[in-house]
Amino acid sequence: MERLEGAGAVLLGKLNLTEGAMGGYNPKFDVPLNPWETGHWPGASSSGSGVATAAGLCYGSLGSDTGGSIRFPAASCDTVGLKPTWGRVSRHGVLALAESLDHVGPLTPSVVDAAISLETISGQDPRDATSIPNIVPDMLEGIRSGFKGVRLGVDERFIAHDVDPEVANAVLEAVSILQDLGADIVEVSVQDLDSYVLAWAVLCSVEAVAAHSETYPERRNDYGPWFQVWLDMGAKVSGADYARASTLRAACKGHLLGVLSQVDVLMCPSMADPPHPLTMESQYGPLREERRPRFQRFTVPFNFSGTPTLSLPCGMNSEGLPLSVQFAGNPLSEPLLCRVGHSYEEATEWHQLHPDV
């Protein structure tokens, strides 16, 4: 926030999000409504950021992403969401959910806006020892250079298997558009990531307990019912279970870095489904169902690897709900991701759609 204000940004205020940046809301606060369809999921955890940006209430917003919480609201509300390389943006002042997985990044109407926002907030911060010392690049340099020579990794099975058909078709259509623009399509093989995703709940819930050690369990009743259960889960995890989950995380990171080493950008959906219908009451909790790995298949692995991703609109489904494509890159490749995303925007009109609010 200091860097945004120093760059001349007009800071409008704070936006609501799920409690603790997890899945459910505290009953003392209203739930942000998806501006495309109020009875459908607005994404989480940075729901207010996605809603406000999509509804035109601000030119851009900030979100945090531990397992998809920038990309889910971006995909659900039809905005751009940029999850940077872990450590690219300081986490000083952020209420942690899981410090080894937390990322901070922008949600904006366009890729250019995301690039400008990310450049502004990036950089080493002595108050965050995990922030990386690399010089912040000019995120707009070369953003209009097009696709010539860009190796775009595509695994059609990864994109389409057990994925909503309209989501898969929209992403594959985006692949075709980028190929026409000059991208070199490289066939890659992404293994089944769901077994790795199962480790996320163990890691995240345990680290959440650590982050809330000053108030949990002593003030457990001050939390909302959803986050109470999440913290209770983390408190029950054994050291051996956490070690096994850490090993799975390392294996997932190794696999993804191996895939990314073959290409410049990997292409996949942001979510396996369009935003789903729900009731406001259900979002307050308690947490009742085990999280299916399919839900976070396209998000959590890139939190494990700490590599950057860019999500942006790629269509609307038959019910008029947003669809989103995700570009994943190698560490510190945000300028290239913005170049790819901007080129796609220039060839399409999906990012120009706005909800009727």
Protein backbone atom coordinates (compact mmCIF):
# COMPACT_ATOMS: atom_id res chain seq x y z
CA MET A 1 0.00 0.00 0.00
CA GLU A 2 2.91 2.33 0.71
CA ARG A 3 4.29 1.73 -2.78
CA LEU A 4 0.92 2.24 -4.47
CA GLU A 5 0.35 5.49 -2.63
CA GLY A 6 3.90 6.60 -3.39
CA ALA A 7 3.26 5.99 -7.09
CA GLY A 8 0.19 8.23 -7.03
CA ALA A 9 -2.59 5.67 -6.65
CA VAL A 10 -5.86 6.81 -5.09
CA LEU A 11 -6.61 4.36 -2.29
CA LEU A 12 -10.38 3.93 -1.95
CA GLY A 13 -10.73 1.57 0.99
CA LYS A 14 -10.78 -2.01 2.15
CA LEU A 15 -12.78 -4.89 0.66
CA ASN A 16 -14.30 -7.88 2.40
CA LEU A 17 -12.90 -11.36 2.03
CA THR A 18 -13.34 -14.76 3.62
CA GLU A 19 -12.21 -15.03 7.22
CA GLY A 20 -8.50 -15.70 7.53
CA ALA A 21 -8.32 -15.69 3.70
CA MET A 22 -9.78 -19.22 3.66
CA GLY A 23 -13.15 -20.50 2.47
CA GLY A 24 -15.93 -19.11 4.67
CA TYR A 25 -17.02 -15.72 5.98
CA ASN A 26 -17.29 -14.35 9.48
CA PRO A 27 -20.99 -13.89 10.34
CA LYS A 28 -20.39 -10.24 11.32
CA PHE A 29 -19.75 -9.29 7.67
CA ASP A 30 -21.80 -9.45 4.49
CA VAL A 31 -20.79 -11.77 1.66
CA PRO A 32 -19.62 -10.06 -1.57
CA LEU A 33 -21.99 -10.84 -4.46
CA ASN A 34 -20.88 -11.99 -7.89
CA PRO A 35 -21.92 -9.11 -10.20
CA TRP A 36 -22.67 -11.51 -13.07
CA GLU A 37 -25.07 -13.63 -11.05
CA THR A 38 -25.60 -12.94 -7.37
CA GLY A 39 -26.57 -16.53 -6.61
CA HIS A 40 -23.22 -17.88 -7.80
CA TRP A 41 -19.79 -18.08 -6.18
CA PRO A 42 -17.75 -14.84 -6.38
CA GLY A 43 -14.49 -16.72 -5.81
CA ALA A 44 -12.45 -16.82 -2.63
CA SER A 45 -10.67 -15.74 -0.66
CA SER A 46 -10.23 -12.31 -2.26
CA SER A 47 -13.89 -12.13 -3.23
CA GLY A 48 -14.39 -8.45 -2.53
CA SER A 49 -11.43 -7.63 -4.76
CA GLY A 50 -12.85 -9.60 -7.69
CA VAL A 51 -16.36 -8.22 -7.23
CA ALA A 52 -15.31 -4.57 -6.88
CA THR A 53 -12.98 -4.73 -9.89
CA ALA A 54 -15.52 -6.49 -12.12
CA ALA A 55 -18.31 -4.13 -11.10
CA GLY A 56 -16.20 -1.08 -11.97
CA LEU A 57 -15.99 0.20 -8.41
CA CYS A 58 -12.21 0.56 -8.73
CA TYR A 59 -9.51 0.43 -11.40
CA GLY A 60 -7.79 -2.39 -9.61
CA SER A 61 -7.47 -4.17 -6.29
CA LEU A 62 -5.13 -6.41 -4.33
CA GLY A 63 -5.68 -10.01 -3.38
CA SER A 64 -3.79 -12.74 -1.60
CA ASP A 65 -3.38 -16.23 -3.00
CA THR A 66 -2.53 -19.28 -0.88
CA GLY A 67 -4.35 -21.89 -2.96
CA GLY A 68 -6.16 -19.91 -5.65
CA SER A 69 -7.48 -16.81 -3.90
CA ILE A 70 -6.47 -14.32 -6.59
CA ARG A 71 -7.33 -16.59 -9.50
CA PHE A 72 -10.69 -17.86 -8.21
CA PRO A 73 -12.23 -14.36 -7.87
CA ALA A 74 -10.67 -13.29 -11.17
CA ALA A 75 -12.14 -16.32 -12.94
CA SER A 76 -15.53 -16.08 -11.22
CA CYS A 77 -15.97 -12.35 -11.76
CA ASP A 78 -14.31 -11.97 -15.20
CA THR A 79 -11.22 -9.97 -14.34
CA VAL A 80 -7.49 -10.40 -14.79
CA GLY A 81 -5.66 -11.94 -11.82
CA LEU A 82 -1.88 -12.06 -11.54
CA LYS A 83 -0.28 -14.33 -8.93
CA PRO A 84 3.41 -13.42 -8.95
CA THR A 85 6.47 -15.47 -8.14
CA TRP A 86 6.62 -16.20 -4.40
CA GLY A 87 8.68 -13.45 -2.82
CA ARG A 88 8.27 -11.02 -5.73
CA VAL A 89 5.88 -8.93 -3.57
CA SER A 90 6.47 -8.31 0.13
CA ARG A 91 4.00 -9.92 2.52
CA HIS A 92 4.77 -7.42 5.29
CA GLY A 93 1.51 -6.40 6.93
CA VAL A 94 -0.48 -9.29 5.48
CA LEU A 95 -2.44 -11.41 7.94
CA ALA A 96 -0.93 -14.76 7.04
CA LEU A 97 -2.92 -17.84 6.19
CA ALA A 98 0.06 -20.07 5.35
CA GLU A 99 3.28 -18.10 5.05
CA SER A 100 5.12 -20.55 2.82
CA LEU A 101 2.24 -20.48 0.31
CA ASP A 102 0.90 -16.91 0.53
CA HIS A 103 1.28 -14.61 -2.49
CA VAL A 104 0.09 -11.01 -2.98
CA GLY A 105 -0.95 -9.72 -6.40
CA PRO A 106 -3.35 -7.51 -8.37
CA LEU A 107 -6.81 -8.03 -9.83
CA THR A 108 -7.49 -5.60 -12.69
CA PRO A 109 -9.67 -5.05 -15.77
CA SER A 110 -6.79 -5.67 -18.19
CA VAL A 111 -3.34 -7.22 -18.42
CA VAL A 112 -1.66 -3.84 -18.87
CA ASP A 113 -3.27 -2.67 -15.62
CA ALA A 114 -2.03 -5.83 -13.89
CA ALA A 115 1.50 -5.28 -15.19
CA ILE A 116 1.59 -1.69 -13.97
CA SER A 117 0.19 -2.66 -10.57
CA LEU A 118 2.61 -5.55 -10.10
CA GLU A 119 5.65 -3.46 -11.04
CA THR A 120 4.57 -0.86 -8.48
CA ILE A 121 4.17 -3.25 -5.55
CA SER A 122 7.14 -5.53 -6.30
CA GLY A 123 10.60 -5.42 -4.81
CA GLN A 124 12.69 -6.50 -1.85
CA ASP A 125 11.47 -5.37 1.55
CA PRO A 126 13.72 -5.54 4.63
CA ARG A 127 10.57 -6.14 6.71
CA ASP A 128 9.95 -9.41 4.85
CA ALA A 129 13.02 -11.65 4.88
CA THR A 130 11.45 -13.90 2.20
CA SER A 131 11.13 -11.10 -0.36
CA ILE A 132 13.56 -11.70 -3.21
CA PRO A 133 16.38 -9.26 -4.05
CA ASN A 134 16.00 -9.39 -7.84
CA ILE A 135 15.69 -6.05 -9.60
CA VAL A 136 12.08 -5.35 -10.57
CA PRO A 137 11.81 -5.34 -14.38
CA ASP A 138 9.81 -2.95 -16.53
CA MET A 139 6.64 -5.01 -16.83
CA LEU A 140 5.49 -3.09 -19.90
CA GLU A 141 8.71 -3.43 -21.89
CA GLY A 142 7.98 -5.69 -24.82
CA ILE A 143 4.37 -6.26 -23.80
CA ARG A 144 3.29 -5.51 -27.38
CA SER A 145 5.94 -7.74 -28.98
CA GLY A 146 3.48 -10.47 -29.91
CA PHE A 147 3.91 -14.21 -29.86
CA LYS A 148 6.67 -14.95 -32.32
CA GLY A 149 9.07 -17.48 -30.80
CA VAL A 150 7.05 -18.10 -27.65
CA ARG A 151 6.88 -21.80 -26.78
CA LEU A 152 3.39 -22.49 -25.47
CA GLY A 153 3.02 -25.77 -23.57
CA VAL A 154 -0.27 -27.60 -24.06
CA ASP A 155 -1.49 -30.91 -22.63
CA GLU A 156 -5.02 -31.40 -23.96
CA ARG A 157 -5.75 -34.14 -21.45
CA PHE A 158 -4.74 -31.89 -18.56
CA ILE A 159 -6.94 -29.13 -19.96
CA ALA A 160 -10.03 -31.23 -20.66
CA HIS A 161 -10.09 -34.38 -18.50
CA ASP A 162 -12.69 -34.13 -15.71
CA VAL A 163 -13.21 -30.46 -16.59
CA ASP A 164 -16.49 -28.77 -17.45
CA PRO A 165 -16.81 -29.08 -21.27
CA GLU A 166 -17.50 -25.38 -21.79
CA VAL A 167 -14.42 -24.45 -19.75
CA ALA A 168 -12.24 -26.93 -21.66
CA ASN A 169 -13.55 -25.82 -25.06
CA ALA A 170 -12.93 -22.15 -24.25
CA VAL A 171 -9.34 -22.85 -23.21
CA LEU A 172 -8.66 -25.00 -26.28
CA GLU A 173 -10.12 -22.24 -28.46
CA ALA A 174 -7.68 -19.85 -26.79
CA VAL A 175 -4.86 -22.24 -27.71
CA SER A 176 -5.99 -22.10 -31.33
CA ILE A 177 -6.10 -18.30 -31.28
CA LEU A 178 -2.58 -18.07 -29.88
CA GLN A 179 -1.29 -20.55 -32.44
CA ASP A 180 -2.74 -18.33 -35.19
CA LEU A 181 -0.91 -15.40 -33.60
CA GLY A 182 2.40 -17.19 -34.02
CA ALA A 183 2.94 -19.13 -30.82
CA ASP A 184 4.88 -22.38 -31.11
CA ILE A 185 2.64 -25.07 -29.62
CA VAL A 186 4.68 -27.65 -27.70
CA GLU A 187 2.98 -30.84 -26.54
CA VAL A 188 3.84 -31.53 -22.91
CA SER A 189 2.70 -34.12 -20.40
CA VAL A 190 1.35 -32.98 -17.03
CA GLN A 191 0.78 -35.89 -14.71
CA ASP A 192 -2.28 -36.25 -12.47
CA LEU A 193 -1.84 -33.53 -9.86
CA ASP A 194 -4.81 -34.38 -7.64
CA SER A 195 -2.78 -36.58 -5.30
CA TYR A 196 -0.46 -33.64 -4.68
CA VAL A 197 -3.33 -31.23 -4.10
CA LEU A 198 -4.53 -33.39 -1.20
CA ALA A 199 -1.43 -32.27 0.72
CA TRP A 200 -2.51 -28.65 0.59
CA ALA A 201 -5.15 -28.80 3.33
CA VAL A 202 -2.63 -30.36 5.72
CA LEU A 203 0.03 -27.76 5.04
CA CYS A 204 -2.32 -24.79 4.97
CA SER A 205 -4.30 -25.66 8.10
CA VAL A 206 -1.15 -26.30 10.16
CA GLU A 207 0.46 -23.05 9.04
CA ALA A 208 -2.81 -21.24 9.80
CA VAL A 209 -2.64 -22.50 13.37
CA ALA A 210 0.90 -21.12 13.59
CA ALA A 211 -0.20 -17.77 12.14
CA HIS A 212 -3.03 -17.49 14.68
CA SER A 213 -1.08 -18.74 17.69
CA GLU A 214 -1.75 -15.54 19.66
CA THR A 215 -5.52 -15.97 19.43
CA TYR A 216 -6.14 -19.69 18.84
CA PRO A 217 -7.24 -21.72 20.73
CA GLU A 218 -7.66 -19.21 23.57
CA ARG A 219 -10.14 -17.08 21.57
CA ARG A 220 -11.57 -19.84 19.39
CA ASN A 221 -15.15 -18.68 19.94
CA ASP A 222 -14.36 -15.26 18.45
CA TYR A 223 -13.79 -16.88 15.07
CA GLY A 224 -16.60 -17.69 12.66
CA PRO A 225 -17.80 -21.31 12.39
CA TRP A 226 -16.00 -21.98 9.08
CA PHE A 227 -12.56 -20.85 10.20
CA GLN A 228 -12.98 -22.50 13.61
CA VAL A 229 -13.18 -25.90 11.92
CA TRP A 230 -10.20 -25.10 9.69
CA LEU A 231 -8.02 -24.26 12.68
CA ASP A 232 -9.29 -27.31 14.56
CA MET A 233 -8.21 -29.45 11.59
CA GLY A 234 -4.72 -27.99 11.64
CA ALA A 235 -4.37 -28.49 15.37
CA LYS A 236 -4.98 -32.24 14.95
CA VAL A 237 -2.31 -32.81 12.27
CA SER A 238 0.66 -34.88 13.42
CA GLY A 239 4.25 -34.03 12.66
CA ALA A 240 4.52 -37.13 10.51
CA ASP A 241 1.47 -36.12 8.47
CA TYR A 242 2.92 -32.66 7.94
CA ALA A 243 6.24 -34.17 6.83
CA ARG A 244 4.48 -36.42 4.31
CA ALA A 245 2.53 -33.45 2.96
CA SER A 246 5.76 -31.45 2.62
CA THR A 247 7.30 -34.27 0.61
CA LEU A 248 4.30 -34.29 -1.74
CA ARG A 249 4.62 -30.54 -2.16
CA ALA A 250 8.29 -30.88 -3.10
CA ALA A 251 7.49 -33.62 -5.63
CA CYS A 252 4.75 -31.50 -7.21
CA LYS A 253 7.10 -28.53 -7.48
CA GLY A 254 9.76 -30.70 -9.09
CA HIS A 255 7.33 -32.06 -11.65
CA LEU A 256 5.98 -28.64 -12.60
CA LEU A 257 9.43 -27.11 -12.92
CA GLY A 258 10.35 -30.02 -15.17
CA VAL A 259 7.35 -29.34 -17.40
CA LEU A 260 8.01 -25.59 -17.43
CA SER A 261 11.65 -26.14 -18.38
CA GLN A 262 10.44 -27.38 -21.77
CA VAL A 263 8.38 -24.28 -22.60
CA ASP A 264 8.02 -20.58 -21.95
CA VAL A 265 4.38 -20.71 -20.86
CA LEU A 266 2.07 -23.53 -19.81
CA MET A 267 -1.63 -23.13 -20.64
CA CYS A 268 -4.58 -24.49 -18.64
CA PRO A 269 -7.90 -23.42 -17.12
CA SER A 270 -8.03 -21.23 -14.03
CA MET A 271 -10.84 -23.38 -12.60
CA ALA A 272 -12.31 -26.74 -13.57
CA ASP A 273 -15.85 -25.31 -13.54
CA PRO A 274 -17.67 -22.01 -14.00
CA PRO A 275 -18.70 -20.27 -10.75
CA HIS A 276 -21.15 -22.59 -9.01
CA PRO A 277 -24.53 -21.74 -7.46
CA LEU A 278 -24.74 -21.39 -3.67
CA THR A 279 -26.69 -19.77 -0.86
CA MET A 280 -25.42 -16.89 1.23
CA GLU A 281 -26.02 -18.88 4.42
CA SER A 282 -23.76 -21.73 3.30
CA GLN A 283 -20.80 -19.36 2.99
CA TYR A 284 -20.77 -18.67 6.72
CA GLY A 285 -20.09 -22.28 7.58
CA PRO A 286 -19.38 -24.47 9.31
CA LEU A 287 -17.07 -26.35 6.97
CA ARG A 288 -18.96 -29.57 6.21
CA GLU A 289 -17.38 -31.21 3.18
CA GLU A 290 -13.89 -32.41 2.46
CA ARG A 291 -12.32 -30.27 -0.25
CA ARG A 292 -12.11 -32.24 -3.49
CA PRO A 293 -8.69 -31.95 -5.14
CA ARG A 294 -10.34 -31.27 -8.51
CA PHE A 295 -11.49 -27.91 -7.12
CA GLN A 296 -7.90 -26.66 -6.74
CA ARG A 297 -6.22 -28.74 -9.44
CA PHE A 298 -5.22 -25.70 -11.51
CA THR A 299 -4.29 -23.39 -8.63
CA VAL A 300 -2.61 -25.17 -5.69
CA PRO A 301 0.25 -26.74 -7.72
CA PHE A 302 1.50 -23.25 -8.63
CA ASN A 303 1.37 -22.21 -4.98
CA PHE A 304 3.49 -25.26 -4.21
CA SER A 305 6.00 -24.29 -6.91
CA GLY A 306 5.86 -20.56 -6.16
CA THR A 307 5.82 -19.86 -9.90
CA PRO A 308 3.78 -17.03 -11.46
CA THR A 309 0.43 -17.38 -13.19
CA LEU A 310 -1.85 -15.02 -15.07
CA SER A 311 -5.60 -15.62 -15.32
CA LEU A 312 -7.81 -13.74 -17.74
CA PRO A 313 -11.27 -13.98 -19.33
CA CYS A 314 -11.64 -16.37 -22.28
CA GLY A 315 -15.40 -16.64 -22.77
CA MET A 316 -18.86 -16.96 -21.28
CA ASN A 317 -20.74 -20.20 -20.80
CA SER A 318 -24.30 -20.98 -21.90
CA GLU A 319 -25.63 -19.48 -18.65
CA GLY A 320 -23.78 -16.21 -19.12
CA LEU A 321 -21.12 -16.97 -16.51
CA PRO A 322 -17.42 -16.13 -16.98
CA LEU A 323 -14.79 -18.59 -18.18
CA SER A 324 -11.07 -18.11 -17.59
CA VAL A 325 -7.77 -19.27 -19.03
CA GLN A 326 -4.53 -19.44 -17.03
CA PHE A 327 -0.98 -18.92 -18.26
CA ALA A 328 1.72 -20.37 -15.99
CA GLY A 329 5.36 -19.40 -16.32
CA ASN A 330 8.82 -20.08 -14.99
CA PRO A 331 10.06 -18.19 -11.90
CA LEU A 332 10.23 -14.41 -12.40
CA SER A 333 8.63 -14.62 -15.87
CA GLU A 334 5.84 -12.13 -15.15
CA PRO A 335 6.82 -9.77 -18.02
CA LEU A 336 6.50 -12.65 -20.51
CA LEU A 337 3.16 -13.73 -19.02
CA CYS A 338 1.89 -10.17 -19.40
CA ARG A 339 3.12 -10.09 -22.99
CA VAL A 340 1.26 -13.34 -23.74
CA GLY A 341 -1.87 -12.23 -21.95
CA HIS A 342 -1.93 -8.83 -23.62
CA SER A 343 -1.54 -10.40 -27.05
CA TYR A 344 -4.50 -12.66 -26.33
CA GLU A 345 -6.56 -9.69 -25.15
CA GLU A 346 -5.74 -7.78 -28.32
CA ALA A 347 -7.11 -10.68 -30.38
CA THR A 348 -10.31 -11.15 -28.35
CA GLU A 349 -13.01 -9.08 -26.68
CA TRP A 350 -13.78 -11.12 -23.56
CA HIS A 351 -12.06 -8.69 -21.20
CA GLN A 352 -14.25 -5.88 -22.51
CA LEU A 353 -17.47 -7.45 -21.22
CA HIS A 354 -19.00 -5.94 -18.11
CA PRO A 355 -21.80 -7.08 -15.83
CA ASP A 356 -25.04 -5.10 -15.85
CA VAL A 357 -24.84 -3.43 -12.45
